């Protein structure tokens, strides 16, 4: 998926808000690095759509708060397989 630097932040931002995706998930879907997604939704998006940027920041903040839960569940699943 090839998108220009003004289109991609908006597409990624909409995807994150709609799906609640993490930066890692969005990077996989859009075929770019986590760093690119982060740069797109924290820096570039703010100048393109302030309201979408605010919505994305809310989702990213929620994901950050839940990160330890996802990590714990992943570890739990890992050891269940053993």
Protein backbone atom coordinates (compact mmCIF):
# COMPACT_ATOMS: atom_id res chain seq x y z
CA UNK A 1 0.00 0.00 0.00
CA UNK A 2 1.73 3.13 -1.17
CA UNK A 3 0.40 6.44 0.17
CA UNK A 4 1.87 9.90 0.20
CA UNK A 5 2.92 11.62 3.41
CA UNK A 6 -0.29 13.65 3.69
CA UNK A 7 -2.74 10.87 2.85
CA UNK A 8 -1.17 8.12 4.97
CA UNK A 9 -1.43 9.87 8.38
CA UNK A 10 -5.14 10.45 7.82
CA UNK A 11 -5.75 6.86 6.70
CA UNK A 12 -3.78 5.46 9.62
CA UNK A 13 -5.48 7.84 12.05
CA UNK A 14 -8.94 6.83 10.87
CA UNK A 15 -7.98 3.16 11.11
CA UNK A 16 -6.70 3.53 14.68
CA UNK A 17 -9.81 5.41 15.82
CA UNK A 18 -12.21 2.99 14.12
CA UNK A 19 -10.49 -0.22 15.22
CA UNK A 20 -8.73 0.80 18.42
CA UNK A 21 -5.55 -0.61 16.89
CA UNK A 22 -2.14 -0.28 18.45
CA UNK A 23 0.76 1.37 16.64
CA UNK A 24 2.19 -2.11 16.04
CA UNK A 25 -1.05 -3.40 14.49
CA UNK A 26 -1.43 -0.31 12.29
CA UNK A 27 2.16 -0.70 11.10
CA UNK A 28 1.46 -4.28 10.00
CA UNK A 29 -1.75 -3.31 8.20
CA UNK A 30 -0.21 -0.36 6.34
CA UNK A 31 3.12 -2.05 5.63
CA UNK A 32 5.26 0.59 7.33
CA UNK A 33 7.42 0.64 10.44
CA UNK A 34 6.14 1.38 13.94
CA UNK A 35 8.29 4.51 13.87
CA UNK A 36 6.56 5.72 10.72
CA UNK A 37 3.11 5.14 12.20
CA UNK A 38 4.09 6.93 15.38
CA UNK A 39 5.53 9.89 13.45
CA UNK A 40 2.44 10.02 11.22
CA UNK A 41 -0.10 10.04 14.06
CA UNK A 42 1.77 12.23 16.52
CA UNK A 43 3.45 14.84 14.31
CA UNK A 44 2.12 14.87 10.75
CA UNK A 45 -1.54 14.27 11.59
CA UNK A 46 -1.70 17.18 14.01
CA UNK A 47 -1.06 19.61 11.16
CA UNK A 48 -3.54 17.89 8.85
CA UNK A 49 -6.56 17.29 11.11
CA UNK A 50 -6.49 18.48 14.71
CA UNK A 51 -9.77 16.73 15.60
CA UNK A 52 -8.66 13.36 14.18
CA UNK A 53 -5.29 13.82 15.91
CA UNK A 54 -7.09 14.30 19.24
CA UNK A 55 -9.19 11.17 18.68
CA UNK A 56 -6.08 9.15 17.83
CA UNK A 57 -4.27 10.42 20.92
CA UNK A 58 -7.17 9.22 23.08
CA UNK A 59 -6.96 5.72 21.57
CA UNK A 60 -3.17 5.61 21.91
CA UNK A 61 -3.42 6.71 25.55
CA UNK A 62 -5.95 3.95 26.27
CA UNK A 63 -3.71 1.40 24.51
CA UNK A 64 -0.78 2.59 26.61
CA UNK A 65 -2.77 2.13 29.81
CA UNK A 66 -3.79 -1.40 28.76
CA UNK A 67 -0.31 -2.41 27.57
CA UNK A 68 0.62 -4.25 30.76
CA UNK A 69 -2.58 -6.29 30.58
CA UNK A 70 -1.90 -7.39 26.99
CA UNK A 71 1.68 -8.27 27.92
CA UNK A 72 0.54 -10.31 30.90
CA UNK A 73 -2.02 -12.17 28.82
CA UNK A 74 0.58 -12.93 26.14
CA UNK A 75 2.91 -14.38 28.77
CA UNK A 76 0.07 -16.40 30.27
CA UNK A 77 -0.78 -17.87 26.85
CA UNK A 78 2.88 -18.64 26.20
CA UNK A 79 3.19 -20.74 29.34
CA UNK A 80 -0.18 -22.45 28.84
CA UNK A 81 1.25 -24.00 25.66
CA UNK A 82 4.13 -25.60 27.57
